[in-house]
Amino acid sequence: MLDQQPLSPQEAARAAIHALWTFPSILFSAFLMAWAAEGAQFYISQGLALALLAWLQTLPEFAVEAVIAWEGDVGLMTANFTGALRLLTGVGWPMIWIVYAIYERRRGVTRSFPPIALSREHAATVAGLAPPLLWFVWIIFKGSLDLWDAGVLLAMYFGYLALLQRIPPSEHEGTEDAPRVVRAILSWPEPRRLLGVVALFLAGGVALFFIAPPFLHSMKGVAITMGVSQFVFVQWVAPFLSEMPEKTSAFVWAKSRGKAGMALMNMASSNVNQWTVLAAMIPIVYSFAQGQPSAIPLGEHRVELILTLLQSALGVVLLANFNFQAYEALGLFALWLAQFLVPHWREEISVAYAVWLAYEILSSLWRPGRMEAFRVLPMLWREGGKRR
């Protein structure tokens, strides 16, 4: 975690040594939960399994943000929150496509830039990002994040879970390409099979809960030892490291046959988590630290928030046609890289996101499938009700 007092060089060096065991441990916990999510698809919808997985995977990110909110540093709160979200969409999504394209080529696919295809049930996750993004337009406009906003964002998240719960388990899932551990558990008779899947989730979650604090402490030691500034660490290094579990499982799926869409939705589920539950947690922890209900002033950080909001909104629209194309993945990465290398280009990058977003929305006039996820969403809700 981020400590209130900065580490001395000697303390940082000692903390960095612990990375030798915390890093592989965090990866192992990620594999446990990824295996659990694959097995859980046979009992619940893939979307709900990924939402549960995203909850467990984002525990380190929640830990970092909670500590910063308790300390009341609004600048670092905003830096960590926006940095985490921009890394997910600007780096995580494109890297999934790159891994997928490389392994498709190795499998003999002749198409140079194959798109990642999503299924109909993924409409719930794609469209589930829209409500909190719209609410954040209001938050940015009024320049504060308070407990009322927290209540609204939490309600949106529970509505999202209710939608996922209505989607039935996939009937077409096979175990041929599943990891050996998953195949072994799914071969067990009931109820041992269900208990095995639950045990994987619990083992991964408990391991992540206990490993997260020393993991983050050791990674901070590595950053300080390398001479990285606190602001850069909080905006880019800490989110990158705390999101390592979800990136690990997503990249494993991205290289597996037929699971690239699942990998992308794993990341998108984390986006939903952070725009709703993580954002709601910030004013709650901040108010407890202040000893009274308190609104977090965000007026000085509007540019950071607008940039992050536009990037996520563009991501929603790009996935809304159930295809993630090469130019979309590479375009998102190029815009993220530009803002990372030249931080004072925030306004210019915001304009670039806005123009691209406007084009994609307007293009739905001559590309009927551009916003297909929003048309499919109410159909999924009705179909889920009929199966109950």
Foldseek 3Di string as FASTA:
>chain_A
DDDPDDDDLVRLVVLQVCLVPLVVLLQVLLVLLLLLLLLCLVPFASLLSLLLSLVLLLVLLLVVLLVCLLVPDLLLNLLQLLLLLLCLLLPLLLVLQVLLQVLVVVVPDPDNWAWFFADLLLLLLLVLLPVLLVVVVVCLVVQWQFLVNLVVLQVSVVVSSVLRRLFGRDPPDDCPQRDPVSVVLVPDDPPSSVVSSVVSSVVSSVSCVVSSVSNLSNQVSVCVNVPHDPSCCSNHVSSVSSNVSLSSSLSVQSSTPPRSNSSSSSSSSNSSCSSGVSSSVSQVSNQVSVVHGDIRGRNVPSLSVLLSSLSSLQVSLCCQLRINTNCNSVVSNVLSVVCVVPVVCSVVSSVVSVVSSVVLVVCCVVVVSSRNSVVSSVVSVVVSVVVD
